[in-house]
Full PDB file with SEQRES, HELIX, SHEET, SSBOND, CRYST1, ORIGX, SCALE, CONECT and MASTER records, all heavy atoms in Angstrom:
SEQRES   1 A   36  LEU VAL GLN PRO GLY GLY SER LEU ASN LEU SER CYS ALA          
SEQRES   2 A   36  PRO SER THR SER ILE PHE SER ILE ASN PHE ILE CYS TRP          
SEQRES   3 A   36  TYR ARG GLN ALA PRO GLY LYS LYS ARG GLU                      
HELIX    1 AA1 ILE A   18  SER A   20  5                                   3    
CRYST1    1.000    1.000    1.000  90.00  90.00  90.00 P 1           1          
ORIGX1      1.000000  0.000000  0.000000        0.00000                         
ORIGX2      0.000000  1.000000  0.000000        0.00000                         
ORIGX3      0.000000  0.000000  1.000000        0.00000                         
SCALE1      1.000000  0.000000  0.000000        0.00000                         
SCALE2      0.000000  1.000000  0.000000        0.00000                         
SCALE3      0.000000  0.000000  1.000000        0.00000                         
ATOM      1  N   LEU A   1     -13.882 -12.045   3.142  1.00  0.00           N  
ATOM      2  CA  LEU A   1     -14.335 -13.439   3.015  1.00  0.00           C  
ATOM      3  C   LEU A   1     -15.852 -13.475   2.824  1.00  0.00           C  
ATOM      4  O   LEU A   1     -16.597 -12.813   3.579  1.00  0.00           O  
ATOM      5  CB  LEU A   1     -13.937 -14.239   4.236  1.00  0.00           C  
ATOM      6  CG  LEU A   1     -14.440 -15.658   4.380  1.00  0.00           C  
ATOM      7  CD1 LEU A   1     -13.886 -16.549   3.245  1.00  0.00           C  
ATOM      8  CD2 LEU A   1     -14.117 -16.244   5.743  1.00  0.00           C  
ATOM      9  N   VAL A   2     -16.317 -14.220   1.835  1.00  0.00           N  
ATOM     10  CA  VAL A   2     -17.740 -14.307   1.608  1.00  0.00           C  
ATOM     11  C   VAL A   2     -18.060 -15.723   1.182  1.00  0.00           C  
ATOM     12  O   VAL A   2     -17.229 -16.432   0.564  1.00  0.00           O  
ATOM     13  CB  VAL A   2     -18.179 -13.293   0.546  1.00  0.00           C  
ATOM     14  CG1 VAL A   2     -17.581 -13.587  -0.803  1.00  0.00           C  
ATOM     15  CG2 VAL A   2     -19.675 -13.196   0.430  1.00  0.00           C  
ATOM     16  N   GLN A   3     -19.266 -16.194   1.435  1.00  0.00           N  
ATOM     17  CA  GLN A   3     -19.681 -17.523   1.044  1.00  0.00           C  
ATOM     18  C   GLN A   3     -20.081 -17.527  -0.462  1.00  0.00           C  
ATOM     19  O   GLN A   3     -20.459 -16.476  -1.004  1.00  0.00           O  
ATOM     20  CB  GLN A   3     -20.891 -17.978   1.870  1.00  0.00           C  
ATOM     21  CG  GLN A   3     -20.513 -18.253   3.311  1.00  0.00           C  
ATOM     22  CD  GLN A   3     -21.693 -18.823   4.097  1.00  0.00           C  
ATOM     23  OE1 GLN A   3     -22.827 -18.776   3.651  1.00  0.00           O  
ATOM     24  NE2 GLN A   3     -21.377 -19.421   5.241  1.00  0.00           N  
ATOM     25  N   PRO A   4     -20.008 -18.639  -1.108  1.00  0.00           N  
ATOM     26  CA  PRO A   4     -20.460 -18.745  -2.495  1.00  0.00           C  
ATOM     27  C   PRO A   4     -21.858 -18.238  -2.642  1.00  0.00           C  
ATOM     28  O   PRO A   4     -22.737 -18.534  -1.802  1.00  0.00           O  
ATOM     29  CB  PRO A   4     -20.339 -20.209  -2.823  1.00  0.00           C  
ATOM     30  CG  PRO A   4     -19.277 -20.715  -1.929  1.00  0.00           C  
ATOM     31  CD  PRO A   4     -19.403 -19.914  -0.629  1.00  0.00           C  
ATOM     32  N   GLY A   5     -22.083 -17.460  -3.693  1.00  0.00           N  
ATOM     33  CA  GLY A   5     -23.386 -16.834  -3.931  1.00  0.00           C  
ATOM     34  C   GLY A   5     -23.532 -15.480  -3.280  1.00  0.00           C  
ATOM     35  O   GLY A   5     -24.527 -14.765  -3.554  1.00  0.00           O  
ATOM     36  N   GLY A   6     -22.597 -15.103  -2.453  1.00  0.00           N  
ATOM     37  CA  GLY A   6     -22.656 -13.810  -1.743  1.00  0.00           C  
ATOM     38  C   GLY A   6     -22.157 -12.667  -2.622  1.00  0.00           C  
ATOM     39  O   GLY A   6     -21.812 -12.851  -3.813  1.00  0.00           O  
ATOM     40  N   SER A   7     -22.137 -11.471  -2.028  1.00  0.00           N  
ATOM     41  CA  SER A   7     -21.743 -10.249  -2.756  1.00  0.00           C  
ATOM     42  C   SER A   7     -20.689  -9.502  -1.939  1.00  0.00           C  
ATOM     43  O   SER A   7     -20.664  -9.590  -0.717  1.00  0.00           O  
ATOM     44  CB  SER A   7     -22.961  -9.370  -2.979  1.00  0.00           C  
ATOM     45  OG  SER A   7     -23.959 -10.022  -3.802  1.00  0.00           O  
ATOM     46  N   LEU A   8     -19.907  -8.738  -2.688  1.00  0.00           N  
ATOM     47  CA  LEU A   8     -18.929  -7.850  -2.092  1.00  0.00           C  
ATOM     48  C   LEU A   8     -18.819  -6.604  -2.958  1.00  0.00           C  
ATOM     49  O   LEU A   8     -19.083  -6.645  -4.171  1.00  0.00           O  
ATOM     50  CB  LEU A   8     -17.561  -8.508  -1.992  1.00  0.00           C  
ATOM     51  CG  LEU A   8     -17.263  -9.515  -0.897  1.00  0.00           C  
ATOM     52  CD1 LEU A   8     -15.896 -10.109  -1.112  1.00  0.00           C  
ATOM     53  CD2 LEU A   8     -17.401  -8.866   0.475  1.00  0.00           C  
ATOM     54  N   ASN A   9     -18.427  -5.512  -2.314  1.00  0.00           N  
ATOM     55  CA  ASN A   9     -18.155  -4.260  -3.055  1.00  0.00           C  
ATOM     56  C   ASN A   9     -16.683  -3.914  -2.901  1.00  0.00           C  
ATOM     57  O   ASN A   9     -16.157  -3.901  -1.775  1.00  0.00           O  
ATOM     58  CB  ASN A   9     -18.993  -3.151  -2.475  1.00  0.00           C  
ATOM     59  CG  ASN A   9     -20.456  -3.245  -2.852  1.00  0.00           C  
ATOM     60  OD1 ASN A   9     -20.752  -3.436  -4.033  1.00  0.00           O  
ATOM     61  ND2 ASN A   9     -21.327  -3.140  -1.873  1.00  0.00           N  
ATOM     62  N   LEU A  10     -16.082  -3.563  -3.967  1.00  0.00           N  
ATOM     63  CA  LEU A  10     -14.721  -2.985  -3.953  1.00  0.00           C  
ATOM     64  C   LEU A  10     -14.783  -1.525  -4.346  1.00  0.00           C  
ATOM     65  O   LEU A  10     -15.637  -1.152  -5.186  1.00  0.00           O  
ATOM     66  CB  LEU A  10     -13.771  -3.741  -4.913  1.00  0.00           C  
ATOM     67  CG  LEU A  10     -13.639  -5.232  -4.702  1.00  0.00           C  
ATOM     68  CD1 LEU A  10     -12.623  -5.818  -5.721  1.00  0.00           C  
ATOM     69  CD2 LEU A  10     -13.211  -5.565  -3.309  1.00  0.00           C  
ATOM     70  N   SER A  11     -13.959  -0.736  -3.780  1.00  0.00           N  
ATOM     71  CA  SER A  11     -13.879   0.670  -4.185  1.00  0.00           C  
ATOM     72  C   SER A  11     -12.437   1.073  -4.415  1.00  0.00           C  
ATOM     73  O   SER A  11     -11.493   0.546  -3.835  1.00  0.00           O  
ATOM     74  CB  SER A  11     -14.523   1.604  -3.148  1.00  0.00           C  
ATOM     75  OG  SER A  11     -13.811   1.530  -1.960  1.00  0.00           O  
ATOM     76  N   CYS A  12     -12.256   2.024  -5.330  1.00  0.00           N  
ATOM     77  CA  CYS A  12     -10.943   2.529  -5.719  1.00  0.00           C  
ATOM     78  C   CYS A  12     -11.044   4.003  -5.837  1.00  0.00           C  
ATOM     79  O   CYS A  12     -11.753   4.537  -6.682  1.00  0.00           O  
ATOM     80  CB  CYS A  12     -10.459   1.876  -6.985  1.00  0.00           C  
ATOM     81  SG  CYS A  12      -8.911   2.524  -7.602  1.00  0.00           S  
ATOM     82  N   ALA A  13     -10.332   4.733  -4.967  1.00  0.00           N  
ATOM     83  CA  ALA A  13     -10.344   6.185  -4.963  1.00  0.00           C  
ATOM     84  C   ALA A  13      -8.998   6.693  -5.456  1.00  0.00           C  
ATOM     85  O   ALA A  13      -7.968   6.573  -4.751  1.00  0.00           O  
ATOM     86  CB  ALA A  13     -10.624   6.726  -3.587  1.00  0.00           C  
ATOM     87  N   PRO A  14      -8.936   7.322  -6.650  1.00  0.00           N  
ATOM     88  CA  PRO A  14      -7.696   7.862  -7.156  1.00  0.00           C  
ATOM     89  C   PRO A  14      -7.394   9.218  -6.542  1.00  0.00           C  
ATOM     90  O   PRO A  14      -8.278   9.934  -6.115  1.00  0.00           O  
ATOM     91  CB  PRO A  14      -7.924   7.961  -8.659  1.00  0.00           C  
ATOM     92  CG  PRO A  14      -9.392   8.155  -8.773  1.00  0.00           C  
ATOM     93  CD  PRO A  14     -10.024   7.404  -7.633  1.00  0.00           C  
ATOM     94  N   SER A  15      -6.080   9.569  -6.498  1.00  0.00           N  
ATOM     95  CA  SER A  15      -5.681  10.862  -5.959  1.00  0.00           C  
ATOM     96  C   SER A  15      -5.786  11.980  -6.960  1.00  0.00           C  
ATOM     97  O   SER A  15      -5.520  13.138  -6.646  1.00  0.00           O  
ATOM     98  CB  SER A  15      -4.246  10.766  -5.410  1.00  0.00           C  
ATOM     99  OG  SER A  15      -3.324  10.452  -6.452  1.00  0.00           O  
ATOM    100  N   THR A  16      -6.191  11.604  -8.168  1.00  0.00           N  
ATOM    101  CA  THR A  16      -6.406  12.629  -9.227  1.00  0.00           C  
ATOM    102  C   THR A  16      -7.878  12.540  -9.709  1.00  0.00           C  
ATOM    103  O   THR A  16      -8.544  11.527  -9.382  1.00  0.00           O  
ATOM    104  CB  THR A  16      -5.453  12.374 -10.417  1.00  0.00           C  
ATOM    105  OG1 THR A  16      -5.581  13.430 -11.354  1.00  0.00           O  
ATOM    106  CG2 THR A  16      -5.801  11.092 -11.155  1.00  0.00           C  
ATOM    107  N   SER A  17      -8.332  13.529 -10.386  1.00  0.00           N  
ATOM    108  CA  SER A  17      -9.721  13.521 -10.851  1.00  0.00           C  
ATOM    109  C   SER A  17      -9.952  12.272 -11.747  1.00  0.00           C  
ATOM    110  O   SER A  17      -9.165  11.922 -12.597  1.00  0.00           O  
ATOM    111  CB  SER A  17     -10.027  14.765 -11.686  1.00  0.00           C  
ATOM    112  OG  SER A  17     -11.255  14.595 -12.360  1.00  0.00           O  
ATOM    113  N   ILE A  18     -11.041  11.606 -11.472  1.00  0.00           N  
ATOM    114  CA  ILE A  18     -11.365  10.410 -12.219  1.00  0.00           C  
ATOM    115  C   ILE A  18     -11.555  10.705 -13.716  1.00  0.00           C  
ATOM    116  O   ILE A  18     -11.373   9.836 -14.523  1.00  0.00           O  
ATOM    117  CB  ILE A  18     -12.568   9.737 -11.603  1.00  0.00           C  
ATOM    118  CG1 ILE A  18     -12.592   8.233 -11.890  1.00  0.00           C  
ATOM    119  CG2 ILE A  18     -13.901  10.402 -12.038  1.00  0.00           C  
ATOM    120  CD1 ILE A  18     -13.479   7.427 -11.013  1.00  0.00           C  
ATOM    121  N   PHE A  19     -11.865  11.975 -14.062  1.00  0.00           N  
ATOM    122  CA  PHE A  19     -11.985  12.352 -15.475  1.00  0.00           C  
ATOM    123  C   PHE A  19     -10.676  12.459 -16.171  1.00  0.00           C  
ATOM    124  O   PHE A  19     -10.647  12.476 -17.396  1.00  0.00           O  
ATOM    125  CB  PHE A  19     -12.774  13.663 -15.571  1.00  0.00           C  
ATOM    126  CG  PHE A  19     -14.268  13.503 -15.417  1.00  0.00           C  
ATOM    127  CD1 PHE A  19     -14.923  14.165 -14.425  1.00  0.00           C  
ATOM    128  CD2 PHE A  19     -14.997  12.706 -16.261  1.00  0.00           C  
ATOM    129  CE1 PHE A  19     -16.299  14.046 -14.258  1.00  0.00           C  
ATOM    130  CE2 PHE A  19     -16.362  12.566 -16.157  1.00  0.00           C  
ATOM    131  CZ  PHE A  19     -17.012  13.209 -15.110  1.00  0.00           C  
ATOM    132  N   SER A  20      -9.564  12.503 -15.433  1.00  0.00           N  
ATOM    133  CA  SER A  20      -8.258  12.576 -16.066  1.00  0.00           C  
ATOM    134  C   SER A  20      -7.734  11.181 -16.329  1.00  0.00           C  
ATOM    135  O   SER A  20      -6.655  11.049 -16.956  1.00  0.00           O  
ATOM    136  CB  SER A  20      -7.273  13.301 -15.183  1.00  0.00           C  
ATOM    137  OG  SER A  20      -6.957  12.532 -14.022  1.00  0.00           O  
ATOM    138  N   ILE A  21      -8.469  10.151 -15.989  1.00  0.00           N  
ATOM    139  CA  ILE A  21      -8.021   8.790 -16.136  1.00  0.00           C  
ATOM    140  C   ILE A  21      -8.582   8.222 -17.437  1.00  0.00           C  
ATOM    141  O   ILE A  21      -9.799   8.158 -17.599  1.00  0.00           O  
ATOM    142  CB  ILE A  21      -8.448   7.907 -14.945  1.00  0.00           C  
ATOM    143  CG1 ILE A  21      -7.784   8.483 -13.652  1.00  0.00           C  
ATOM    144  CG2 ILE A  21      -8.068   6.447 -15.169  1.00  0.00           C  
ATOM    145  CD1 ILE A  21      -8.304   7.838 -12.388  1.00  0.00           C  
ATOM    146  N   ASN A  22      -7.719   7.798 -18.325  1.00  0.00           N  
ATOM    147  CA  ASN A  22      -8.147   7.221 -19.599  1.00  0.00           C  
ATOM    148  C   ASN A  22      -8.971   5.957 -19.407  1.00  0.00           C  
ATOM    149  O   ASN A  22      -9.984   5.710 -20.040  1.00  0.00           O  
ATOM    150  CB  ASN A  22      -6.976   6.909 -20.492  1.00  0.00           C  
ATOM    151  CG  ASN A  22      -6.180   8.146 -20.829  1.00  0.00           C  
ATOM    152  OD1 ASN A  22      -6.751   9.215 -21.011  1.00  0.00           O  
ATOM    153  ND2 ASN A  22      -4.884   8.012 -21.003  1.00  0.00           N  
ATOM    154  N   PHE A  23      -8.506   5.113 -18.484  1.00  0.00           N  
ATOM    155  CA  PHE A  23      -9.104   3.817 -18.273  1.00  0.00           C  
ATOM    156  C   PHE A  23      -8.825   3.411 -16.852  1.00  0.00           C  
ATOM    157  O   PHE A  23      -7.671   3.397 -16.426  1.00  0.00           O  
ATOM    158  CB  PHE A  23      -8.547   2.792 -19.238  1.00  0.00           C  
ATOM    159  CG  PHE A  23      -9.172   1.442 -19.192  1.00  0.00           C  
ATOM    160  CD1 PHE A  23     -10.512   1.321 -19.491  1.00  0.00           C  
ATOM    161  CD2 PHE A  23      -8.446   0.330 -18.867  1.00  0.00           C  
ATOM    162  CE1 PHE A  23     -11.159   0.033 -19.473  1.00  0.00           C  
ATOM    163  CE2 PHE A  23      -9.065  -0.925 -18.804  1.00  0.00           C  
ATOM    164  CZ  PHE A  23     -10.391  -1.083 -19.095  1.00  0.00           C  
ATOM    165  N   ILE A  24      -9.867   3.119 -16.097  1.00  0.00           N  
ATOM    166  CA  ILE A  24      -9.712   2.704 -14.716  1.00  0.00           C  
ATOM    167  C   ILE A  24     -10.372   1.311 -14.553  1.00  0.00           C  
ATOM    168  O   ILE A  24     -11.456   1.112 -15.080  1.00  0.00           O  
ATOM    169  CB  ILE A  24     -10.249   3.707 -13.680  1.00  0.00           C  
ATOM    170  CG1 ILE A  24      -9.963   3.268 -12.241  1.00  0.00           C  
ATOM    171  CG2 ILE A  24     -11.725   3.943 -13.920  1.00  0.00           C  
ATOM    172  CD1 ILE A  24     -10.208   4.380 -11.215  1.00  0.00           C  
ATOM    173  N   CYS A  25      -9.689   0.407 -13.928  1.00  0.00           N  
ATOM    174  CA  CYS A  25     -10.198  -0.958 -13.964  1.00  0.00           C  
ATOM    175  C   CYS A  25      -9.688  -1.758 -12.777  1.00  0.00           C  
ATOM    176  O   CYS A  25      -8.906  -1.299 -11.950  1.00  0.00           O  
ATOM    177  CB  CYS A  25      -9.721  -1.629 -15.254  1.00  0.00           C  
ATOM    178  SG  CYS A  25      -7.955  -1.736 -15.404  1.00  0.00           S  
ATOM    179  N   TRP A  26     -10.212  -2.979 -12.688  1.00  0.00           N  
ATOM    180  CA  TRP A  26      -9.809  -3.917 -11.679  1.00  0.00           C  
ATOM    181  C   TRP A  26      -9.199  -5.166 -12.385  1.00  0.00           C  
ATOM    182  O   TRP A  26      -9.779  -5.692 -13.308  1.00  0.00           O  
ATOM    183  CB  TRP A  26     -11.005  -4.412 -10.839  1.00  0.00           C  
ATOM    184  CG  TRP A  26     -11.508  -3.373  -9.898  1.00  0.00           C  
ATOM    185  CD1 TRP A  26     -12.482  -2.468 -10.127  1.00  0.00           C  
ATOM    186  CD2 TRP A  26     -11.030  -3.118  -8.559  1.00  0.00           C  
ATOM    187  NE1 TRP A  26     -12.651  -1.671  -9.025  1.00  0.00           N  
ATOM    188  CE2 TRP A  26     -11.784  -2.038  -8.075  1.00  0.00           C  
ATOM    189  CE3 TRP A  26     -10.033  -3.671  -7.765  1.00  0.00           C  
ATOM    190  CZ2 TRP A  26     -11.558  -1.510  -6.785  1.00  0.00           C  
ATOM    191  CZ3 TRP A  26      -9.840  -3.144  -6.486  1.00  0.00           C  
ATOM    192  CH2 TRP A  26     -10.579  -2.103  -6.010  1.00  0.00           C  
ATOM    193  N   TYR A  27      -8.033  -5.535 -11.887  1.00  0.00           N  
ATOM    194  CA  TYR A  27      -7.439  -6.804 -12.259  1.00  0.00           C  
ATOM    195  C   TYR A  27      -7.531  -7.747 -11.075  1.00  0.00           C  
ATOM    196  O   TYR A  27      -7.752  -7.299  -9.909  1.00  0.00           O  
ATOM    197  CB  TYR A  27      -5.954  -6.632 -12.572  1.00  0.00           C  
ATOM    198  CG  TYR A  27      -5.657  -6.068 -13.997  1.00  0.00           C  
ATOM    199  CD1 TYR A  27      -5.797  -4.757 -14.270  1.00  0.00           C  
ATOM    200  CD2 TYR A  27      -5.206  -6.926 -14.973  1.00  0.00           C  
ATOM    201  CE1 TYR A  27      -5.491  -4.259 -15.540  1.00  0.00           C  
ATOM    202  CE2 TYR A  27      -4.885  -6.461 -16.236  1.00  0.00           C  
ATOM    203  CZ  TYR A  27      -5.068  -5.112 -16.480  1.00  0.00           C  
ATOM    204  OH  TYR A  27      -4.762  -4.617 -17.745  1.00  0.00           O  
ATOM    205  N   ARG A  28      -7.300  -9.019 -11.302  1.00  0.00           N  
ATOM    206  CA  ARG A  28      -7.180  -9.961 -10.216  1.00  0.00           C  
ATOM    207  C   ARG A  28      -6.111 -10.982 -10.527  1.00  0.00           C  
ATOM    208  O   ARG A  28      -5.810 -11.264 -11.686  1.00  0.00           O  
ATOM    209  CB  ARG A  28      -8.503 -10.664  -9.932  1.00  0.00           C  
ATOM    210  CG  ARG A  28      -8.998 -11.665 -10.970  1.00  0.00           C  
ATOM    211  CD  ARG A  28     -10.350 -12.185 -10.645  1.00  0.00           C  
ATOM    212  NE  ARG A  28     -10.862 -13.112 -11.673  1.00  0.00           N  
ATOM    213  CZ  ARG A  28     -12.073 -13.585 -11.665  1.00  0.00           C  
ATOM    214  NH1 ARG A  28     -12.982 -13.216 -10.764  1.00  0.00           N  
ATOM    215  NH2 ARG A  28     -12.423 -14.469 -12.592  1.00  0.00           N  
ATOM    216  N   GLN A  29      -5.569 -11.525  -9.449  1.00  0.00           N  
ATOM    217  CA  GLN A  29      -4.544 -12.554  -9.609  1.00  0.00           C  
ATOM    218  C   GLN A  29      -4.711 -13.622  -8.555  1.00  0.00           C  
ATOM    219  O   GLN A  29      -4.665 -13.302  -7.366  1.00  0.00           O  
ATOM    220  CB  GLN A  29      -3.164 -11.953  -9.531  1.00  0.00           C  
ATOM    221  CG  GLN A  29      -2.061 -12.962  -9.864  1.00  0.00           C  
ATOM    222  CD  GLN A  29      -0.694 -12.331 -10.113  1.00  0.00           C  
ATOM    223  OE1 GLN A  29      -0.442 -11.162  -9.704  1.00  0.00           O  
ATOM    224  NE2 GLN A  29       0.142 -12.987 -10.823  1.00  0.00           N  
ATOM    225  N   ALA A  30      -5.004 -14.814  -9.009  1.00  0.00           N  
ATOM    226  CA  ALA A  30      -5.117 -15.945  -8.141  1.00  0.00           C  
ATOM    227  C   ALA A  30      -3.755 -16.652  -8.000  1.00  0.00           C  
ATOM    228  O   ALA A  30      -2.946 -16.528  -8.911  1.00  0.00           O  
ATOM    229  CB  ALA A  30      -6.191 -16.908  -8.621  1.00  0.00           C  
ATOM    230  N   PRO A  31      -3.534 -17.404  -6.958  1.00  0.00           N  
ATOM    231  CA  PRO A  31      -2.243 -18.110  -6.778  1.00  0.00           C  
ATOM    232  C   PRO A  31      -1.940 -18.981  -7.950  1.00  0.00           C  
ATOM    233  O   PRO A  31      -2.773 -19.757  -8.416  1.00  0.00           O  
ATOM    234  CB  PRO A  31      -2.484 -18.915  -5.505  1.00  0.00           C  
ATOM    235  CG  PRO A  31      -3.494 -18.163  -4.749  1.00  0.00           C  
ATOM    236  CD  PRO A  31      -4.453 -17.575  -5.776  1.00  0.00           C  
ATOM    237  N   GLY A  32      -0.753 -18.838  -8.510  1.00  0.00           N  
ATOM    238  CA  GLY A  32      -0.326 -19.624  -9.630  1.00  0.00           C  
ATOM    239  C   GLY A  32      -0.883 -19.262 -10.940  1.00  0.00           C  
ATOM    240  O   GLY A  32      -0.675 -19.962 -11.944  1.00  0.00           O  
ATOM    241  N   LYS A  33      -1.661 -18.158 -11.014  1.00  0.00           N  
ATOM    242  CA  LYS A  33      -2.263 -17.775 -12.266  1.00  0.00           C  
ATOM    243  C   LYS A  33      -1.830 -16.368 -12.686  1.00  0.00           C  
ATOM    244  O   LYS A  33      -1.326 -15.607 -11.873  1.00  0.00           O  
ATOM    245  CB  LYS A  33      -3.801 -17.807 -12.144  1.00  0.00           C  
ATOM    246  CG  LYS A  33      -4.402 -19.207 -11.940  1.00  0.00           C  
ATOM    247  CD  LYS A  33      -5.889 -19.175 -12.055  1.00  0.00           C  
ATOM    248  CE  LYS A  33      -6.423 -20.570 -11.911  1.00  0.00           C  
ATOM    249  NZ  LYS A  33      -7.910 -20.606 -12.040  1.00  0.00           N  
ATOM    250  N   LYS A  34      -2.017 -16.096 -13.960  1.00  0.00           N  
ATOM    251  CA  LYS A  34      -1.639 -14.738 -14.452  1.00  0.00           C  
ATOM    252  C   LYS A  34      -2.672 -13.704 -14.010  1.00  0.00           C  
ATOM    253  O   LYS A  34      -3.864 -14.017 -13.763  1.00  0.00           O  
ATOM    254  CB  LYS A  34      -1.599 -14.758 -15.961  1.00  0.00           C  
ATOM    255  CG  LYS A  34      -0.454 -15.557 -16.539  1.00  0.00           C  
ATOM    256  CD  LYS A  34      -0.424 -15.480 -18.068  1.00  0.00           C  
ATOM    257  CE  LYS A  34       0.718 -16.284 -18.634  1.00  0.00           C  
ATOM    258  NZ  LYS A  34       0.754 -16.230 -20.138  1.00  0.00           N  
ATOM    259  N   ARG A  35      -2.234 -12.491 -13.876  1.00  0.00           N  
ATOM    260  CA  ARG A  35      -3.137 -11.384 -13.575  1.00  0.00           C  
ATOM    261  C   ARG A  35      -4.050 -11.178 -14.769  1.00  0.00           C  
ATOM    262  O   ARG A  35      -3.604 -11.160 -15.919  1.00  0.00           O  
ATOM    263  CB  ARG A  35      -2.329 -10.110 -13.273  1.00  0.00           C  
ATOM    264  CG  ARG A  35      -3.126  -9.011 -12.640  1.00  0.00           C  
ATOM    265  CD  ARG A  35      -2.248  -7.870 -12.164  1.00  0.00           C  
ATOM    266  NE  ARG A  35      -1.398  -8.266 -11.073  1.00  0.00           N  
ATOM    267  CZ  ARG A  35      -0.717  -7.408 -10.325  1.00  0.00           C  
ATOM    268  NH1 ARG A  35      -0.752  -6.115 -10.606  1.00  0.00           N  
ATOM    269  NH2 ARG A  35       0.053  -7.839  -9.338  1.00  0.00           N  
ATOM    270  N   GLU A  36      -5.363 -11.025 -14.527  1.00  0.00           N  
ATOM    271  CA  GLU A  36      -6.319 -10.800 -15.581  1.00  0.00           C  
ATOM    272  C   GLU A  36      -7.225  -9.615 -15.307  1.00  0.00           C  
ATOM    273  O   GLU A  36      -7.535  -9.272 -14.190  1.00  0.00           O  
ATOM    274  CB  GLU A  36      -7.166 -12.060 -15.749  1.00  0.00           C  
ATOM    275  CG  GLU A  36      -8.000 -12.474 -14.560  1.00  0.00           C  
ATOM    276  CD  GLU A  36      -8.773 -13.793 -14.771  1.00  0.00           C  
ATOM    277  OE1 GLU A  36      -8.738 -14.327 -15.881  1.00  0.00           O  
ATOM    278  OE2 GLU A  36      -9.482 -14.202 -13.806  1.00  0.00           O  
TER     279      GLU A  36                                                      
MASTER        0    0    0    1    0    0    0    6  278    1    0    3          
END                                                                             
């Protein structure tokens, strides 16, 4: 939880070498909306 204007960090650690990953990314999905 953060206030408007604030900052957050997300991290994602794969179980395989990150160099073996063609594309690594973040999606999000809000209630009632499509994942983007």
